[in-house]
C-alpha atoms as a PDB file:
ATOM      1  CA  MET A   1       0.000   0.000   0.000  1.00  0.00           C
ATOM      2  CA  ASN A   2       1.197   3.492  -0.844  1.00  0.00           C
ATOM      3  CA  LYS A   3       2.457   5.563   2.039  1.00  0.00           C
ATOM      4  CA  ILE A   4      -0.096   8.022   3.429  1.00  0.00           C
ATOM      5  CA  THR A   5       1.202  11.611   3.419  1.00  0.00           C
ATOM      6  CA  THR A   6      -1.960  13.734   3.250  1.00  0.00           C
ATOM      7  CA  VAL A   7      -5.438  13.276   4.727  1.00  0.00           C
ATOM      8  CA  GLY A   8      -8.659  15.115   3.898  1.00  0.00           C
ATOM      9  CA  VAL A   9     -10.985  15.151   6.895  1.00  0.00           C
ATOM     10  CA  ASP A  10     -14.715  15.870   6.684  1.00  0.00           C
ATOM     11  CA  LEU A  11     -15.917  16.758  10.182  1.00  0.00           C
ATOM     12  CA  ALA A  12     -19.548  16.218  11.152  1.00  0.00           C
ATOM     13  CA  LYS A  13     -21.603  16.062  14.340  1.00  0.00           C
ATOM     14  CA  GLU A  14     -21.669  12.274  14.647  1.00  0.00           C
ATOM     15  CA  VAL A  15     -19.018  10.873  12.302  1.00  0.00           C
ATOM     16  CA  ILE A  16     -15.703  11.835  10.730  1.00  0.00           C
ATOM     17  CA  VAL A  17     -14.916  10.699   7.185  1.00  0.00           C
ATOM     18  CA  VAL A  18     -11.326  10.731   5.956  1.00  0.00           C
ATOM     19  CA  CYS A  19      -9.787  10.426   2.521  1.00  0.00           C
ATOM     20  CA  ALA A  20      -6.164   9.326   2.783  1.00  0.00           C
ATOM     21  CA  GLY A  21      -3.829  10.281  -0.047  1.00  0.00           C
ATOM     22  CA  ASP A  22      -0.293   9.416  -1.080  1.00  0.00           C
ATOM     23  CA  ALA A  23       2.569  11.702  -2.067  1.00  0.00           C
ATOM     24  CA  ALA A  24       1.233  11.979  -5.625  1.00  0.00           C
ATOM     25  CA  GLY A  25      -2.129  13.199  -4.359  1.00  0.00           C
ATOM     26  CA  HIS A  26      -4.039  10.037  -5.278  1.00  0.00           C
ATOM     27  CA  ALA A  27      -6.807   8.889  -2.934  1.00  0.00           C
ATOM     28  CA  VAL A  28      -5.674   5.622  -1.338  1.00  0.00           C
ATOM     29  CA  TYR A  29      -8.755   4.835   0.755  1.00  0.00           C
ATOM     30  CA  PHE A  30     -11.775   6.259   2.551  1.00  0.00           C
ATOM     31  CA  ARG A  31     -12.737   5.510   6.135  1.00  0.00           C
ATOM     32  CA  GLN A  32     -15.428   6.582   8.550  1.00  0.00           C
ATOM     33  CA  PHE A  33     -14.783   7.037  12.281  1.00  0.00           C
ATOM     34  CA  SER A  34     -16.430   8.166  15.446  1.00  0.00           C
ATOM     35  CA  PHE A  35     -14.737  11.041  17.287  1.00  0.00           C
ATOM     36  CA  HIS A  36     -12.899   8.613  19.569  1.00  0.00           C
ATOM     37  CA  GLY A  37     -12.022   6.271  16.702  1.00  0.00           C
ATOM     38  CA  PHE A  38     -10.548   9.102  14.616  1.00  0.00           C
ATOM     39  CA  ALA A  39      -8.176  10.077  17.437  1.00  0.00           C
ATOM     40  CA  GLN A  40      -6.986   6.484  17.841  1.00  0.00           C
ATOM     41  CA  TRP A  41      -6.453   6.125  14.089  1.00  0.00           C
ATOM     42  CA  ALA A  42      -4.450   9.366  13.888  1.00  0.00           C
ATOM     43  CA  VAL A  43      -2.142   8.192  16.698  1.00  0.00           C
ATOM     44  CA  ASN A  44      -0.938   5.244  14.608  1.00  0.00           C
ATOM     45  CA  LEU A  45      -0.225   7.266  11.456  1.00  0.00           C
ATOM     46  CA  PRO A  46       3.221   8.590  10.538  1.00  0.00           C
ATOM     47  CA  PRO A  47       3.437  12.403  10.472  1.00  0.00           C
ATOM     48  CA  CYS A  48       0.932  13.601   7.866  1.00  0.00           C
ATOM     49  CA  THR A  49      -0.706  16.784   6.646  1.00  0.00           C
ATOM     50  CA  PHE A  50      -4.359  16.892   7.684  1.00  0.00           C
ATOM     51  CA  GLY A  51      -6.701  19.184   5.767  1.00  0.00           C
ATOM     52  CA  MET A  52      -9.978  20.287   7.382  1.00  0.00           C
ATOM     53  CA  GLU A  53     -12.610  22.923   6.839  1.00  0.00           C
ATOM     54  CA  ALA A  54     -12.561  25.611   9.544  1.00  0.00           C
ATOM     55  CA  CYS A  55     -15.867  24.557  11.099  1.00  0.00           C
ATOM     56  CA  SER A  56     -17.113  23.391  14.493  1.00  0.00           C
ATOM     57  CA  SER A  57     -14.500  21.291  16.382  1.00  0.00           C
ATOM     58  CA  ALA A  58     -11.862  21.962  13.687  1.00  0.00           C
ATOM     59  CA  HIS A  59      -9.694  24.054  15.998  1.00  0.00           C
ATOM     60  CA  HIS A  60      -9.851  21.340  18.664  1.00  0.00           C
ATOM     61  CA  TRP A  61      -8.693  18.712  16.192  1.00  0.00           C
ATOM     62  CA  ALA A  62      -5.970  21.013  14.859  1.00  0.00           C
ATOM     63  CA  ARG A  63      -4.527  21.317  18.370  1.00  0.00           C
ATOM     64  CA  ARG A  64      -4.916  17.571  19.004  1.00  0.00           C
ATOM     65  CA  LEU A  65      -3.255  16.572  15.724  1.00  0.00           C
ATOM     66  CA  THR A  66      -0.383  18.969  16.394  1.00  0.00           C
ATOM     67  CA  GLU A  67       0.206  17.204  19.708  1.00  0.00           C
ATOM     68  CA  LEU A  68       0.374  13.899  17.803  1.00  0.00           C
ATOM     69  CA  GLY A  69       3.094  15.236  15.484  1.00  0.00           C
ATOM     70  CA  HIS A  70       0.903  15.901  12.452  1.00  0.00           C
ATOM     71  CA  THR A  71       0.516  19.136  10.475  1.00  0.00           C
ATOM     72  CA  PRO A  72      -3.091  20.384  10.471  1.00  0.00           C
ATOM     73  CA  ARG A  73      -4.273  22.804   7.795  1.00  0.00           C
ATOM     74  CA  LEU A  74      -7.601  24.622   8.218  1.00  0.00           C
ATOM     75  CA  MET A  75      -9.352  26.151   5.197  1.00  0.00           C
ATOM     76  CA  ALA A  76     -12.480  28.201   4.643  1.00  0.00           C
ATOM     77  CA  ALA A  77     -15.333  26.041   3.358  1.00  0.00           C
ATOM     78  CA  GLU A  78     -15.874  28.344   0.357  1.00  0.00           C
ATOM     79  CA  PHE A  79     -12.311  27.615  -0.808  1.00  0.00           C
ATOM     80  CA  VAL A  80     -12.930  23.856  -0.675  1.00  0.00           C
ATOM     81  CA  ALA A  81     -16.231  23.839  -2.590  1.00  0.00           C
ATOM     82  CA  PRO A  82     -14.679  24.310  -6.082  1.00  0.00           C
ATOM     83  CA  PHE A  83     -12.614  21.130  -5.591  1.00  0.00           C
ATOM     84  CA  ARG A  84     -15.698  18.935  -5.174  1.00  0.00           C
ATOM     85  CA  LYS A  85     -15.921  16.802  -8.318  1.00  0.00           C
ATOM     86  CA  SER A  86     -19.702  16.678  -8.451  1.00  0.00           C
ATOM     87  CA  ARG A  87     -21.740  19.689  -7.387  1.00  0.00           C
ATOM     88  CA  GLY A  88     -24.899  17.584  -7.564  1.00  0.00           C
ATOM     89  CA  ALA A  89     -23.584  14.743  -5.375  1.00  0.00           C
ATOM     90  CA  LYS A  90     -22.550  16.289  -2.088  1.00  0.00           C
ATOM     91  CA  ASN A  91     -21.766  13.622   0.485  1.00  0.00           C
ATOM     92  CA  ASP A  92     -19.133  12.946   3.126  1.00  0.00           C
ATOM     93  CA  ARG A  93     -16.848  10.972   0.793  1.00  0.00           C
ATOM     94  CA  ASN A  94     -16.873  13.649  -1.906  1.00  0.00           C
ATOM     95  CA  ASP A  95     -16.311  16.355   0.690  1.00  0.00           C
ATOM     96  CA  ALA A  96     -13.319  14.516   2.192  1.00  0.00           C
ATOM     97  CA  GLN A  97     -11.810  14.008  -1.274  1.00  0.00           C
ATOM     98  CA  ALA A  98     -12.358  17.686  -2.116  1.00  0.00           C
ATOM     99  CA  ILE A  99     -10.576  18.674   1.109  1.00  0.00           C
ATOM    100  CA  LEU A 100      -7.686  16.377   0.183  1.00  0.00           C
ATOM    101  CA  SER A 101      -7.353  18.121  -3.194  1.00  0.00           C
ATOM    102  CA  ALA A 102      -7.743  21.605  -1.713  1.00  0.00           C
ATOM    103  CA  VAL A 103      -5.102  21.188   0.987  1.00  0.00           C
ATOM    104  CA  ARG A 104      -2.548  20.309  -1.705  1.00  0.00           C
ATOM    105  CA  ALA A 105      -3.313  23.407  -3.813  1.00  0.00           C
ATOM    106  CA  PRO A 106      -0.155  25.575  -3.951  1.00  0.00           C
ATOM    107  CA  ASP A 107      -1.994  28.882  -3.520  1.00  0.00           C
ATOM    108  CA  MET A 108      -4.477  27.795  -0.862  1.00  0.00           C
ATOM    109  CA  ARG A 109      -5.045  30.132   2.094  1.00  0.00           C
ATOM    110  CA  PHE A 110      -4.997  28.525   5.498  1.00  0.00           C
ATOM    111  CA  VAL A 111      -6.499  29.540   8.821  1.00  0.00           C
ATOM    112  CA  THR A 112      -4.345  29.534  11.953  1.00  0.00           C
ATOM    113  CA  ALA A 113      -5.842  27.324  14.652  1.00  0.00           C
ATOM    114  CA  LYS A 114      -7.179  29.170  17.672  1.00  0.00           C
ATOM    115  CA  SER A 115      -5.680  28.512  21.087  1.00  0.00           C
ATOM    116  CA  VAL A 116      -7.704  27.243  24.029  1.00  0.00           C
ATOM    117  CA  ASP A 117      -7.555  30.717  25.597  1.00  0.00           C
ATOM    118  CA  GLN A 118      -8.905  32.342  22.442  1.00  0.00           C
ATOM    119  CA  GLN A 119     -11.811  29.932  22.198  1.00  0.00           C
ATOM    120  CA  THR A 120     -12.551  30.376  25.891  1.00  0.00           C
ATOM    121  CA  VAL A 121     -12.838  34.157  25.453  1.00  0.00           C
ATOM    122  CA  LEU A 122     -14.979  33.673  22.346  1.00  0.00           C
ATOM    123  CA  ALA A 123     -17.284  31.409  24.362  1.00  0.00           C
ATOM    124  CA  TRP A 124     -17.990  34.337  26.712  1.00  0.00           C
ATOM    125  CA  HIS A 125     -18.708  36.552  23.693  1.00  0.00           C
ATOM    126  CA  ARG A 126     -21.036  33.956  22.144  1.00  0.00           C
ATOM    127  CA  MET A 127     -22.932  33.363  25.391  1.00  0.00           C
ATOM    128  CA  ARG A 128     -23.320  37.102  25.936  1.00  0.00           C
ATOM    129  CA  SER A 129     -24.695  37.520  22.435  1.00  0.00           C
ATOM    130  CA  GLY A 130     -27.077  34.577  22.918  1.00  0.00           C
ATOM    131  CA  TRP A 131     -28.366  35.844  26.263  1.00  0.00           C
ATOM    132  CA  ILE A 132     -28.955  39.304  24.799  1.00  0.00           C
ATOM    133  CA  GLN A 133     -31.078  37.685  22.091  1.00  0.00           C
ATOM    134  CA  GLU A 134     -32.986  35.698  24.733  1.00  0.00           C
ATOM    135  CA  ARG A 135     -33.586  38.866  26.745  1.00  0.00           C
ATOM    136  CA  THR A 136     -34.865  40.716  23.671  1.00  0.00           C
ATOM    137  CA  ALA A 137     -37.186  37.834  22.771  1.00  0.00           C
ATOM    138  CA  LEU A 138     -38.543  37.640  26.342  1.00  0.00           C
ATOM    139  CA  ILE A 139     -39.168  41.394  26.501  1.00  0.00           C
ATOM    140  CA  ASN A 140     -41.040  41.295  23.180  1.00  0.00           C
ATOM    141  CA  ARG A 141     -43.074  38.297  24.337  1.00  0.00           C
ATOM    142  CA  LEU A 142     -44.066  39.983  27.588  1.00  0.00           C
ATOM    143  CA  ARG A 143     -44.887  43.228  25.797  1.00  0.00           C
ATOM    144  CA  GLY A 144     -47.161  41.380  23.355  1.00  0.00           C
ATOM    145  CA  LEU A 145     -48.930  39.427  26.129  1.00  0.00           C
ATOM    146  CA  LEU A 146     -49.584  42.546  28.200  1.00  0.00           C
ATOM    147  CA  ALA A 147     -50.961  44.361  25.150  1.00  0.00           C
ATOM    148  CA  GLU A 148     -53.633  41.649  24.906  1.00  0.00           C
ATOM    149  CA  PHE A 149     -54.903  42.795  28.310  1.00  0.00           C
ATOM    150  CA  GLY A 150     -54.827  46.504  27.611  1.00  0.00           C
ATOM    151  CA  PHE A 151     -51.360  47.347  28.945  1.00  0.00           C
ATOM    152  CA  TRP A 152     -49.093  49.041  26.392  1.00  0.00           C
ATOM    153  CA  LEU A 153     -45.901  50.344  27.946  1.00  0.00           C
ATOM    154  CA  GLY A 154     -44.219  51.625  24.807  1.00  0.00           C
ATOM    155  CA  ARG A 155     -41.051  50.375  23.161  1.00  0.00           C
ATOM    156  CA  SER A 156     -38.647  51.088  26.006  1.00  0.00           C
ATOM    157  CA  SER A 157     -37.365  47.837  27.487  1.00  0.00           C
ATOM    158  CA  ALA A 158     -36.262  49.691  30.638  1.00  0.00           C
ATOM    159  CA  VAL A 159     -39.794  51.013  31.265  1.00  0.00           C
ATOM    160  CA  LEU A 160     -41.279  47.554  30.710  1.00  0.00           C
ATOM    161  CA  THR A 161     -38.802  45.898  33.077  1.00  0.00           C
ATOM    162  CA  ARG A 162     -39.432  48.474  35.826  1.00  0.00           C
ATOM    163  CA  SER A 163     -43.197  48.042  35.485  1.00  0.00           C
ATOM    164  CA  LEU A 164     -43.303  44.242  35.685  1.00  0.00           C
ATOM    165  CA  PRO A 165     -43.141  43.895  39.526  1.00  0.00           C
ATOM    166  CA  GLU A 166     -46.142  46.213  39.893  1.00  0.00           C
ATOM    167  CA  LEU A 167     -48.064  44.554  37.069  1.00  0.00           C
ATOM    168  CA  ALA A 168     -47.559  41.142  38.693  1.00  0.00           C
ATOM    169  CA  HIS A 169     -49.932  42.333  41.439  1.00  0.00           C
ATOM    170  CA  HIS A 170     -52.176  44.650  39.409  1.00  0.00           C
ATOM    171  CA  SER A 171     -55.891  44.124  39.949  1.00  0.00           C
ATOM    172  CA  SER A 172     -56.648  44.397  36.236  1.00  0.00           C
ATOM    173  CA  ILE A 173     -54.334  41.492  35.419  1.00  0.00           C
ATOM    174  CA  PRO A 174     -56.075  38.078  35.544  1.00  0.00           C
ATOM    175  CA  GLU A 175     -54.996  36.068  38.548  1.00  0.00           C
ATOM    176  CA  ARG A 176     -53.737  33.170  36.444  1.00  0.00           C
ATOM    177  CA  LEU A 177     -51.523  35.526  34.411  1.00  0.00           C
ATOM    178  CA  ARG A 178     -49.794  37.151  37.380  1.00  0.00           C
ATOM    179  CA  PRO A 179     -47.381  34.244  38.082  1.00  0.00           C
ATOM    180  CA  LEU A 180     -46.218  34.340  34.451  1.00  0.00           C
ATOM    181  CA  ILE A 181     -45.426  38.025  34.683  1.00  0.00           C
ATOM    182  CA  ALA A 182     -43.520  37.471  37.932  1.00  0.00           C
ATOM    183  CA  GLN A 183     -41.573  34.581  36.381  1.00  0.00           C
ATOM    184  CA  GLY A 184     -40.813  36.694  33.309  1.00  0.00           C
ATOM    185  CA  TYR A 185     -39.405  39.433  35.520  1.00  0.00           C
ATOM    186  CA  GLU A 186     -37.267  36.911  37.449  1.00  0.00           C
ATOM    187  CA  GLN A 187     -35.930  35.509  34.174  1.00  0.00           C
ATOM    188  CA  LEU A 188     -35.040  39.009  32.961  1.00  0.00           C
ATOM    189  CA  GLN A 189     -33.070  39.622  36.153  1.00  0.00           C
ATOM    190  CA  ILE A 190     -31.209  36.331  35.713  1.00  0.00           C
ATOM    191  CA  LEU A 191     -30.348  37.190  32.102  1.00  0.00           C
ATOM    192  CA  LYS A 192     -29.206  40.660  33.178  1.00  0.00           C
ATOM    193  CA  GLN A 193     -26.824  39.154  35.741  1.00  0.00           C
ATOM    194  CA  ARG A 194     -25.428  36.690  33.220  1.00  0.00           C
ATOM    195  CA  ILE A 195     -24.862  39.383  30.599  1.00  0.00           C
ATOM    196  CA  GLU A 196     -23.112  41.594  33.163  1.00  0.00           C
ATOM    197  CA  GLU A 197     -20.893  38.671  34.214  1.00  0.00           C
ATOM    198  CA  CYS A 198     -19.934  38.081  30.580  1.00  0.00           C
ATOM    199  CA  GLU A 199     -19.096  41.745  30.126  1.00  0.00           C
ATOM    200  CA  ARG A 200     -16.937  41.781  33.261  1.00  0.00           C
ATOM    201  CA  THR A 201     -14.995  38.751  32.034  1.00  0.00           C
ATOM    202  CA  ILE A 202     -14.571  40.254  28.562  1.00  0.00           C
ATOM    203  CA  ASN A 203     -13.434  43.584  30.018  1.00  0.00           C
ATOM    204  CA  ASP A 204     -10.885  41.757  32.173  1.00  0.00           C
ATOM    205  CA  HIS A 205      -9.545  39.998  29.077  1.00  0.00           C
ATOM    206  CA  ALA A 206      -9.254  43.329  27.234  1.00  0.00           C
ATOM    207  CA  LYS A 207      -7.342  44.829  30.167  1.00  0.00           C
ATOM    208  CA  GLU A 208      -4.971  41.860  30.461  1.00  0.00           C
ATOM    209  CA  SER A 209      -4.170  41.660  26.729  1.00  0.00           C
ATOM    210  CA  VAL A 210      -1.440  44.050  25.585  1.00  0.00           C
ATOM    211  CA  ALA A 211      -2.587  43.730  21.970  1.00  0.00           C
ATOM    212  CA  ALA A 212      -6.171  44.545  22.942  1.00  0.00           C
ATOM    213  CA  GLN A 213      -4.976  47.636  24.791  1.00  0.00           C
ATOM    214  CA  ARG A 214      -3.101  48.825  21.704  1.00  0.00           C
ATOM    215  CA  ILE A 215      -6.105  48.626  19.393  1.00  0.00           C
ATOM    216  CA  SER A 216      -8.381  50.115  22.071  1.00  0.00           C
ATOM    217  CA  ALA A 217      -6.577  53.415  21.467  1.00  0.00           C
ATOM    218  CA  LEU A 218      -8.725  53.766  18.341  1.00  0.00           C
ATOM    219  CA  THR A 219     -11.848  55.871  18.865  1.00  0.00           C
ATOM    220  CA  GLY A 220     -14.858  53.557  18.647  1.00  0.00           C
ATOM    221  CA  VAL A 221     -12.917  50.387  19.495  1.00  0.00           C
ATOM    222  CA  GLY A 222     -13.839  49.532  23.072  1.00  0.00           C
ATOM    223  CA  PRO A 223     -13.171  46.494  25.271  1.00  0.00           C
ATOM    224  CA  LEU A 224     -15.815  44.332  23.581  1.00  0.00           C
ATOM    225  CA  THR A 225     -14.446  44.938  20.096  1.00  0.00           C
ATOM    226  CA  SER A 226     -10.776  44.710  21.042  1.00  0.00           C
ATOM    227  CA  SER A 227     -11.335  41.474  22.973  1.00  0.00           C
ATOM    228  CA  ALA A 228     -13.342  39.969  20.100  1.00  0.00           C
ATOM    229  CA  VAL A 229     -10.660  40.888  17.544  1.00  0.00           C
ATOM    230  CA  ILE A 230      -7.840  39.369  19.586  1.00  0.00           C
ATOM    231  CA  ALA A 231      -9.828  36.187  20.221  1.00  0.00           C
ATOM    232  CA  THR A 232     -10.975  35.851  16.596  1.00  0.00           C
ATOM    233  CA  VAL A 233      -7.845  36.783  14.615  1.00  0.00           C
ATOM    234  CA  SER A 234      -5.333  34.123  15.616  1.00  0.00           C
ATOM    235  CA  ASN A 235      -2.496  35.438  13.486  1.00  0.00           C
ATOM    236  CA  PRO A 236      -2.731  38.806  11.676  1.00  0.00           C
ATOM    237  CA  ARG A 237       0.117  37.667   9.423  1.00  0.00           C
ATOM    238  CA  ASP A 238      -2.332  35.228   7.812  1.00  0.00           C
ATOM    239  CA  PHE A 239      -3.429  38.311   5.866  1.00  0.00           C
ATOM    240  CA  ARG A 240      -1.011  40.046   3.506  1.00  0.00           C
ATOM    241  CA  ASN A 241      -2.364  43.485   4.346  1.00  0.00           C
ATOM    242  CA  GLY A 242      -5.158  45.332   6.073  1.00  0.00           C
ATOM    243  CA  ARG A 243      -7.313  45.202   2.962  1.00  0.00           C
ATOM    244  CA  GLN A 244      -7.413  41.409   3.160  1.00  0.00           C
ATOM    245  CA  LEU A 245      -8.425  41.531   6.819  1.00  0.00           C
ATOM    246  CA  ALA A 246     -11.205  44.011   6.004  1.00  0.00           C
ATOM    247  CA  ALA A 247     -12.390  41.730   3.187  1.00  0.00           C
ATOM    248  CA  TRP A 248     -12.355  38.754   5.576  1.00  0.00           C
ATOM    249  CA  THR A 249     -14.576  40.760   7.939  1.00  0.00           C
ATOM    250  CA  GLY A 250     -17.064  41.467   5.134  1.00  0.00           C
ATOM    251  CA  VAL A 251     -16.881  45.276   5.133  1.00  0.00           C
ATOM    252  CA  VAL A 252     -15.741  45.649   1.518  1.00  0.00           C
ATOM    253  CA  PRO A 253     -17.976  45.995  -1.576  1.00  0.00           C
ATOM    254  CA  ARG A 254     -18.928  42.933  -3.587  1.00  0.00           C
ATOM    255  CA  GLN A 255     -17.263  42.895  -6.999  1.00  0.00           C
ATOM    256  CA  ASN A 256     -18.644  41.839 -10.346  1.00  0.00           C
ATOM    257  CA  SER A 257     -15.882  43.239 -12.527  1.00  0.00           C
ATOM    258  CA  SER A 258     -15.030  42.030 -16.015  1.00  0.00           C
ATOM    259  CA  GLY A 259     -13.271  43.230 -19.138  1.00  0.00           C
ATOM    260  CA  GLY A 260     -11.346  45.880 -17.264  1.00  0.00           C
ATOM    261  CA  LYS A 261     -14.576  47.523 -16.055  1.00  0.00           C
ATOM    262  CA  GLN A 262     -14.978  47.695 -12.298  1.00  0.00           C
ATOM    263  CA  ARG A 263     -18.443  47.056 -10.872  1.00  0.00           C
ATOM    264  CA  LEU A 264     -18.897  47.359  -7.118  1.00  0.00           C
ATOM    265  CA  GLY A 265     -22.038  46.509  -5.176  1.00  0.00           C
ATOM    266  CA  SER A 266     -23.094  46.305  -1.543  1.00  0.00           C
ATOM    267  CA  ILE A 267     -20.757  44.900   1.094  1.00  0.00           C
ATOM    268  CA  THR A 268     -20.146  41.153   1.067  1.00  0.00           C
ATOM    269  CA  LYS A 269     -21.110  40.569   4.742  1.00  0.00           C
ATOM    270  CA  ARG A 270     -18.751  37.594   4.830  1.00  0.00           C
ATOM    271  CA  GLY A 271     -16.849  36.449   7.867  1.00  0.00           C
ATOM    272  CA  ASP A 272     -17.865  36.845  11.484  1.00  0.00           C
ATOM    273  CA  ALA A 273     -21.207  38.690  11.749  1.00  0.00           C
ATOM    274  CA  TYR A 274     -20.671  39.333  15.472  1.00  0.00           C
ATOM    275  CA  LEU A 275     -17.331  41.044  14.918  1.00  0.00           C
ATOM    276  CA  ARG A 276     -18.717  43.018  11.979  1.00  0.00           C
ATOM    277  CA  GLY A 277     -21.611  44.195  14.148  1.00  0.00           C
ATOM    278  CA  LEU A 278     -19.245  45.399  16.870  1.00  0.00           C
ATOM    279  CA  LEU A 279     -17.176  47.300  14.305  1.00  0.00           C
ATOM    280  CA  THR A 280     -20.287  48.960  12.885  1.00  0.00           C
ATOM    281  CA  GLN A 281     -21.480  49.990  16.347  1.00  0.00           C
ATOM    282  CA  GLY A 282     -18.055  51.425  17.070  1.00  0.00           C
ATOM    283  CA  ALA A 283     -18.159  53.274  13.752  1.00  0.00           C
ATOM    284  CA  ARG A 284     -21.303  55.097  14.916  1.00  0.00           C
ATOM    285  CA  SER A 285     -19.455  56.313  17.975  1.00  0.00           C
ATOM    286  CA  THR A 286     -16.453  57.362  15.889  1.00  0.00           C
ATOM    287  CA  LEU A 287     -18.662  59.324  13.496  1.00  0.00           C
ATOM    288  CA  GLN A 288     -20.435  61.163  16.312  1.00  0.00           C
ATOM    289  CA  VAL A 289     -17.134  62.077  17.974  1.00  0.00           C
ATOM    290  CA  ALA A 290     -15.779  63.428  14.682  1.00  0.00           C
ATOM    291  CA  LEU A 291     -18.904  65.506  14.035  1.00  0.00           C
ATOM    292  CA  LYS A 292     -18.953  67.001  17.539  1.00  0.00           C
ATOM    293  CA  ARG A 293     -15.265  67.935  17.620  1.00  0.00           C
ATOM    294  CA  ALA A 294     -14.320  71.460  16.588  1.00  0.00           C
ATOM    295  CA  PRO A 295     -12.936  71.527  13.004  1.00  0.00           C
ATOM    296  CA  ASP A 296      -9.596  72.971  14.084  1.00  0.00           C
ATOM    297  CA  LYS A 297      -9.101  70.134  16.588  1.00  0.00           C
ATOM    298  CA  ARG A 298     -10.032  67.201  14.376  1.00  0.00           C
ATOM    299  CA  SER A 299      -7.422  64.635  13.479  1.00  0.00           C
ATOM    300  CA  ARG A 300      -6.658  63.797   9.863  1.00  0.00           C
ATOM    301  CA  LEU A 301      -8.852  60.682  10.155  1.00  0.00           C
ATOM    302  CA  GLU A 302     -11.722  62.716  11.591  1.00  0.00           C
ATOM    303  CA  HIS A 303     -11.484  65.262   8.753  1.00  0.00           C
ATOM    304  CA  TRP A 304     -11.709  62.349   6.315  1.00  0.00           C
ATOM    305  CA  ILE A 305     -14.776  60.933   8.147  1.00  0.00           C
ATOM    306  CA  VAL A 306     -16.651  64.256   8.142  1.00  0.00           C
ATOM    307  CA  ALA A 307     -15.894  64.889   4.468  1.00  0.00           C
ATOM    308  CA  LEU A 308     -16.932  61.331   3.542  1.00  0.00           C
ATOM    309  CA  ARG A 309     -20.267  61.692   5.318  1.00  0.00           C
ATOM    310  CA  GLY A 310     -20.988  64.783   3.262  1.00  0.00           C
ATOM    311  CA  ARG A 311     -20.267  62.889   0.030  1.00  0.00           C
ATOM    312  CA  VAL A 312     -21.798  59.425   0.532  1.00  0.00           C
ATOM    313  CA  GLY A 313     -24.185  59.735   3.490  1.00  0.00           C
ATOM    314  CA  TYR A 314     -24.506  58.190   6.930  1.00  0.00           C
ATOM    315  CA  HIS A 315     -24.682  54.425   6.333  1.00  0.00           C
ATOM    316  CA  LYS A 316     -21.899  54.170   3.751  1.00  0.00           C
ATOM    317  CA  THR A 317     -19.702  56.233   6.026  1.00  0.00           C
ATOM    318  CA  LEU A 318     -20.207  53.723   8.849  1.00  0.00           C
ATOM    319  CA  VAL A 319     -19.064  50.884   6.602  1.00  0.00           C
ATOM    320  CA  ALA A 320     -16.066  52.914   5.446  1.00  0.00           C
ATOM    321  CA  ILE A 321     -15.082  53.632   9.062  1.00  0.00           C
ATOM    322  CA  ALA A 322     -15.368  49.934   9.975  1.00  0.00           C
ATOM    323  CA  ASN A 323     -13.198  49.116   6.950  1.00  0.00           C
ATOM    324  CA  LYS A 324     -10.636  51.748   7.962  1.00  0.00           C
ATOM    325  CA  HIS A 325     -10.590  50.452  11.542  1.00  0.00           C
ATOM    326  CA  MET A 326      -9.836  46.899  10.414  1.00  0.00           C
ATOM    327  CA  ARG A 327      -6.964  48.128   8.236  1.00  0.00           C
ATOM    328  CA  ILE A 328      -5.504  50.108  11.121  1.00  0.00           C
ATOM    329  CA  ILE A 329      -5.990  47.152  13.484  1.00  0.00           C
ATOM    330  CA  TRP A 330      -4.091  44.905  11.081  1.00  0.00           C
ATOM    331  CA  ALA A 331      -1.182  47.372  10.961  1.00  0.00           C
ATOM    332  CA  ILE A 332      -1.087  47.602  14.758  1.00  0.00           C
ATOM    333  CA  LEU A 333      -1.188  43.840  15.296  1.00  0.00           C
ATOM    334  CA  ALA A 334       0.940  42.707  12.343  1.00  0.00           C
ATOM    335  CA  HIS A 335       3.749  45.192  13.066  1.00  0.00           C
ATOM    336  CA  ASP A 336       3.378  45.104  16.866  1.00  0.00           C
ATOM    337  CA  GLU A 337       3.040  48.880  17.054  1.00  0.00           C
ATOM    338  CA  GLN A 338       1.136  51.445  19.094  1.00  0.00           C
ATOM    339  CA  TYR A 339      -1.635  53.422  17.417  1.00  0.00           C
ATOM    340  CA  ASP A 340      -0.298  56.715  16.137  1.00  0.00           C
ATOM    341  CA  PRO A 341      -2.916  59.074  14.614  1.00  0.00           C
ATOM    342  CA  ASN A 342      -0.088  61.176  13.139  1.00  0.00           C
ATOM    343  CA  ALA A 343       1.746  58.284  11.508  1.00  0.00           C
ATOM    344  CA  TRP A 344       0.867  59.707   8.073  1.00  0.00           C
ATOM    345  CA  GLN A 345       3.212  62.634   8.738  1.00  0.00           C
ATOM    346  CA  ARG A 346       6.060  60.278   9.559  1.00  0.00           C
ATOM    347  CA  LEU A 347       5.416  58.023   6.543  1.00  0.00           C
ATOM    348  CA  ALA A 348       4.544  60.705   3.990  1.00  0.00           C
ATOM    349  CA  PRO A 349       8.177  61.376   2.888  1.00  0.00           C
ATOM    350  CA  HIS A 350       8.614  57.671   2.059  1.00  0.00           C
ATOM    351  CA  ARG A 351       5.569  57.664  -0.215  1.00  0.00           C
ATOM    352  CA  THR A 352       6.604  60.579  -2.414  1.00  0.00           C
END
């Protein structure tokens, strides 16, 4: 049997399918494993290159395979799709074979595996985001139920939350409904505590991380955003420049260019939606700060922001600010530098 040098791994919830290949790139065999069986099989292999899509559990397996002496390579799923031989026959075997072909491509882009610490911090971000969604859904549910009984408290969630204890004992509320209102209020308080605990943990991470402190110097990049960036971007050097990092975040226009004619559309919205949302929220703050500052005291970036808003409007300016922030963040992280708003003066002579 030919010696196995490369393995394409299709990860799923219940099973793992592998396509083992030789040095020439030919598929030698396919096998299906459970999670435990895959680990045992990998232990007995000589050092190999393992290709995987960067999906759920991929970072865990990348760390585990590294410990076993193998070389894991994570790839975006969209980069693997063109290597699937049959678009109409998507199954685990075809996916594993496509991954095997993709990992051997000379110009393939790979994703650096996240550390345990990074994934732990991201877990706090994900739980915070999920609990905020649960809180919003519960508030809307309570608001709708109360409206059925003639109580409309407006759109303010704070007013609704403050009114719930009183409504739980209101004479106009049916007796059978009162326990539900009381339980809804208790659940809101629990969610509030959990969200606050997540934010404290995230803020602590932002304070402890030197890199997070450096990018927090940007106006509009607070502890939540800086912590999320550090936990999400494993290695800024995976991107050749800040433009690539901005494209990875999905804050660049979609292109449909051909024949030398450039056609740009709306933003791609690719990448991490949570991180993109934080950048957009921070862009609102940055825009407001720039507009409120006296013209003679604005930085060069703030002059650019104000002028851009006058040309393209509010929403496009927010996207442009988020794009600019990601480019600056890449420069700070990739070159291990402090944020310098006057760096353009220092670099201008080298660009002429």
